[in-house]
Amino acid sequence: MNNSDEMQKNSEIFNVPNKISAARLVLAVVFFILLPLKFYWAGLAVFVIAAGTDWVDGWYARKYDMVTKLGRVLDPFCDKILICGAYILLAVEMDGDFSWYGKIAGWMAVVVVGRELLVTVLRSMIEGAGGDFSAKMAGKLKMVFQCVAVGACLVGLALSPEGESIPQWLEITIVGSVWLSVISTVHSGLLYVKAAGSYLK
């Protein structure tokens, strides 16, 4: 591949990774439609596919050198829509049918949304000034815990349509993943604040 082809590939705005990110946004909308209709198994399948595309688009962009400015905005935006929307809707769906410690509660959704808004503002400030505010390992682990929590809660809803008891292993999984997701959300948010503070100084 010559230099002109390489430059054209890197400058293409809507390349393959960005198309994958856009597909994740469409899948998120489908997921948001399925949840209120109580199609939890179908919602789980859509969520798993959508969450999986987060890894695929990043890997593809790095492997084939297709990282673009649009991709650096679109990828985290689609992640935030999927996760924030999932937490908000699950807080509604799980209200009243699960123990206070074994579900995604409304205040947890507020914490997740608040953290994402804060990081978005910090990222726009830093990258607008020419700095690099790429995702850190803590942020990636946070995403993993959040996805596991969402998946476990969806299984719990699917197995207890009328508020019935769920298997003990599933309850333990929900409790562990939900609280780990909240702790990692707060922790990663604080790390981003610290990094942004250091850069702004």
Protein backbone atom coordinates (compact mmCIF):
# COMPACT_ATOMS: atom_id res chain seq x y z
CA MET A 1 0.00 0.00 0.00
CA ASN A 2 1.49 3.36 -1.00
CA ASN A 3 1.48 6.54 1.07
CA SER A 4 -1.54 8.06 -0.66
CA ASP A 5 -3.62 4.94 0.01
CA GLU A 6 -2.49 4.95 3.65
CA MET A 7 -3.45 8.59 4.08
CA GLN A 8 -6.84 8.01 2.46
CA LYS A 9 -7.50 5.05 4.76
CA ASN A 10 -6.66 7.05 7.89
CA SER A 11 -8.64 10.10 6.79
CA GLU A 12 -11.82 8.20 5.95
CA ILE A 13 -14.36 9.35 8.51
CA PHE A 14 -16.91 6.56 8.39
CA ASN A 15 -14.53 3.61 8.22
CA VAL A 16 -15.12 0.05 9.44
CA PRO A 17 -14.48 0.69 13.18
CA ASN A 18 -16.80 3.70 13.15
CA LYS A 19 -19.48 1.69 11.38
CA ILE A 20 -19.19 -0.96 14.09
CA SER A 21 -19.58 1.75 16.75
CA ALA A 22 -22.66 3.09 14.94
CA ALA A 23 -24.08 -0.44 14.86
CA ARG A 24 -23.63 -0.59 18.63
CA LEU A 25 -25.76 2.54 18.94
CA VAL A 26 -28.52 0.90 16.87
CA LEU A 27 -28.32 -2.26 19.00
CA ALA A 28 -28.59 -0.11 22.13
CA VAL A 29 -31.87 1.35 20.84
CA VAL A 30 -33.19 -2.17 20.17
CA PHE A 31 -32.13 -3.18 23.69
CA PHE A 32 -33.99 -0.21 25.19
CA ILE A 33 -37.14 -1.27 23.34
CA LEU A 34 -36.94 -4.89 24.47
CA LEU A 35 -36.48 -4.22 28.19
CA PRO A 36 -39.79 -2.45 28.95
CA LEU A 37 -41.55 -5.15 26.93
CA LYS A 38 -39.96 -7.70 29.31
CA PHE A 39 -38.18 -9.61 26.55
CA TYR A 40 -35.26 -10.20 28.88
CA TRP A 41 -33.61 -13.12 27.09
CA ALA A 42 -33.74 -11.29 23.76
CA GLY A 43 -32.46 -8.17 25.52
CA LEU A 44 -29.57 -10.15 26.97
CA ALA A 45 -28.61 -11.46 23.53
CA VAL A 46 -28.69 -7.97 22.03
CA PHE A 47 -26.72 -6.52 24.94
CA VAL A 48 -24.00 -9.17 24.68
CA ILE A 49 -23.61 -8.50 20.95
CA ALA A 50 -23.57 -4.73 21.50
CA ALA A 51 -21.02 -4.95 24.31
CA GLY A 52 -18.88 -7.28 22.19
CA THR A 53 -18.63 -4.72 19.41
CA ASP A 54 -16.86 -2.39 21.86
CA TRP A 55 -13.85 -4.70 21.80
CA VAL A 56 -14.10 -5.40 18.07
CA ASP A 57 -14.07 -1.79 16.86
CA GLY A 58 -11.13 -0.85 19.08
CA TRP A 59 -9.13 -3.89 18.03
CA TYR A 60 -9.87 -3.31 14.34
CA ALA A 61 -8.95 0.38 14.51
CA ARG A 62 -5.61 -0.33 16.17
CA LYS A 63 -4.71 -3.33 14.03
CA TYR A 64 -5.40 -1.61 10.71
CA ASP A 65 -4.41 1.90 11.82
CA MET A 66 -7.89 3.35 11.37
CA VAL A 67 -8.07 5.50 14.50
CA THR A 68 -9.93 8.72 13.65
CA LYS A 69 -11.09 11.78 15.58
CA LEU A 70 -14.69 10.70 15.00
CA GLY A 71 -13.93 7.26 16.37
CA ARG A 72 -12.37 8.69 19.52
CA VAL A 73 -15.69 10.45 20.16
CA LEU A 74 -18.18 7.95 18.75
CA ASP A 75 -16.80 4.86 20.52
CA PRO A 76 -17.07 6.16 24.11
CA PHE A 77 -20.36 7.91 23.30
CA CYS A 78 -21.95 4.61 22.20
CA ASP A 79 -20.55 2.88 25.29
CA LYS A 80 -22.06 5.51 27.56
CA ILE A 81 -25.47 5.35 25.88
CA LEU A 82 -25.57 1.56 26.19
CA ILE A 83 -24.42 1.34 29.81
CA CYS A 84 -26.24 4.38 31.18
CA GLY A 85 -29.46 3.38 29.44
CA ALA A 86 -29.14 -0.19 30.71
CA TYR A 87 -28.65 0.93 34.32
CA ILE A 88 -31.57 3.35 34.18
CA LEU A 89 -33.97 0.82 32.67
CA LEU A 90 -32.83 -2.01 34.94
CA ALA A 91 -33.33 0.21 37.99
CA VAL A 92 -36.94 0.56 36.88
CA GLU A 93 -37.42 -3.11 35.97
CA MET A 94 -35.91 -4.43 39.24
CA ASP A 95 -37.71 -2.00 41.54
CA GLY A 96 -39.63 -3.84 44.26
CA ASP A 97 -38.90 -7.42 43.13
CA PHE A 98 -35.34 -7.78 44.44
CA SER A 99 -33.56 -7.12 47.74
CA TRP A 100 -32.05 -3.65 48.18
CA TYR A 101 -28.53 -5.05 48.00
CA GLY A 102 -29.13 -7.48 45.14
CA LYS A 103 -30.23 -5.22 42.31
CA ILE A 104 -29.34 -2.16 40.31
CA ALA A 105 -30.99 0.63 42.28
CA GLY A 106 -31.88 4.10 41.12
CA TRP A 107 -29.00 5.75 43.00
CA MET A 108 -26.56 3.37 41.30
CA ALA A 109 -27.83 4.51 37.91
CA VAL A 110 -27.30 8.12 39.04
CA VAL A 111 -23.70 7.31 40.05
CA VAL A 112 -23.00 5.66 36.69
CA VAL A 113 -24.56 8.46 34.65
CA GLY A 114 -22.88 11.15 36.76
CA ARG A 115 -19.46 9.55 36.36
CA GLU A 116 -19.87 9.29 32.59
CA LEU A 117 -20.97 12.93 32.31
CA LEU A 118 -18.01 14.05 34.41
CA VAL A 119 -15.48 12.06 32.37
CA THR A 120 -17.02 13.35 29.13
CA VAL A 121 -16.56 16.95 30.27
CA LEU A 122 -12.98 16.29 31.37
CA ARG A 123 -12.17 14.52 28.12
CA SER A 124 -13.52 17.39 26.02
CA MET A 125 -11.46 19.87 28.02
CA ILE A 126 -8.21 17.92 27.82
CA GLU A 127 -8.45 16.77 24.21
CA GLY A 128 -9.72 20.18 23.14
CA ALA A 129 -6.47 21.55 24.48
CA GLY A 130 -4.50 18.99 22.51
CA GLY A 131 -3.94 16.48 25.31
CA ASP A 132 -4.53 12.73 25.36
CA PHE A 133 -7.35 11.44 27.55
CA SER A 134 -7.59 7.85 26.37
CA ALA A 135 -9.31 5.15 28.40
CA LYS A 136 -7.28 3.82 31.33
CA MET A 137 -7.18 0.24 32.58
CA ALA A 138 -9.42 1.17 35.53
CA GLY A 139 -12.01 2.46 33.06
CA LYS A 140 -11.84 -0.74 31.05
CA LEU A 141 -12.25 -2.89 34.17
CA LYS A 142 -15.20 -0.72 35.16
CA MET A 143 -16.81 -1.47 31.82
CA VAL A 144 -16.28 -5.22 32.33
CA PHE A 145 -17.88 -5.16 35.78
CA GLN A 146 -20.79 -3.10 34.48
CA CYS A 147 -21.44 -5.48 31.59
CA VAL A 148 -21.35 -8.51 33.91
CA ALA A 149 -23.75 -6.75 36.30
CA VAL A 150 -26.19 -5.91 33.50
CA GLY A 151 -26.04 -9.45 32.14
CA ALA A 152 -26.57 -11.03 35.56
CA CYS A 153 -29.52 -8.73 36.30
CA LEU A 154 -31.12 -9.58 32.96
CA VAL A 155 -30.83 -13.29 33.74
CA GLY A 156 -32.33 -12.63 37.17
CA LEU A 157 -35.28 -10.81 35.63
CA ALA A 158 -35.77 -13.55 33.05
CA LEU A 159 -35.83 -16.28 35.73
CA SER A 160 -38.18 -14.40 38.06
CA PRO A 161 -40.88 -12.80 35.89
CA GLU A 162 -43.29 -12.57 38.83
CA GLY A 163 -40.77 -11.70 41.53
CA GLU A 164 -40.03 -15.36 42.25
CA SER A 165 -36.85 -16.41 44.02
CA ILE A 166 -33.75 -16.92 41.92
CA PRO A 167 -30.96 -19.50 42.34
CA GLN A 168 -28.46 -18.69 45.06
CA TRP A 169 -25.51 -18.71 42.64
CA LEU A 170 -27.26 -16.09 40.51
CA GLU A 171 -28.08 -13.91 43.51
CA ILE A 172 -24.43 -14.01 44.60
CA THR A 173 -23.35 -13.13 41.06
CA ILE A 174 -25.76 -10.18 40.92
CA VAL A 175 -24.71 -8.84 44.32
CA GLY A 176 -20.99 -9.19 43.61
CA SER A 177 -21.04 -7.78 40.10
CA VAL A 178 -23.39 -4.89 40.90
CA TRP A 179 -21.37 -3.65 43.87
CA LEU A 180 -18.07 -4.17 42.07
CA SER A 181 -19.43 -2.12 39.18
CA VAL A 182 -20.40 0.73 41.51
CA ILE A 183 -17.06 0.69 43.35
CA SER A 184 -15.06 0.54 40.11
CA THR A 185 -17.20 3.31 38.62
CA VAL A 186 -16.40 5.65 41.51
CA HIS A 187 -12.74 4.60 41.63
CA SER A 188 -12.11 5.08 37.91
CA GLY A 189 -13.93 8.40 38.00
CA LEU A 190 -11.64 9.65 40.76
CA LEU A 191 -8.58 8.53 38.79
CA TYR A 192 -9.78 10.51 35.77
CA VAL A 193 -10.33 13.57 37.95
CA LYS A 194 -6.81 13.23 39.35
CA ALA A 195 -5.33 12.82 35.86
CA ALA A 196 -7.24 15.82 34.56
CA GLY A 197 -6.15 17.91 37.53
CA SER A 198 -2.51 17.04 36.92
CA TYR A 199 -2.79 17.94 33.25
CA LEU A 200 -4.60 21.23 33.84
CA LYS A 201 -1.94 22.31 36.32
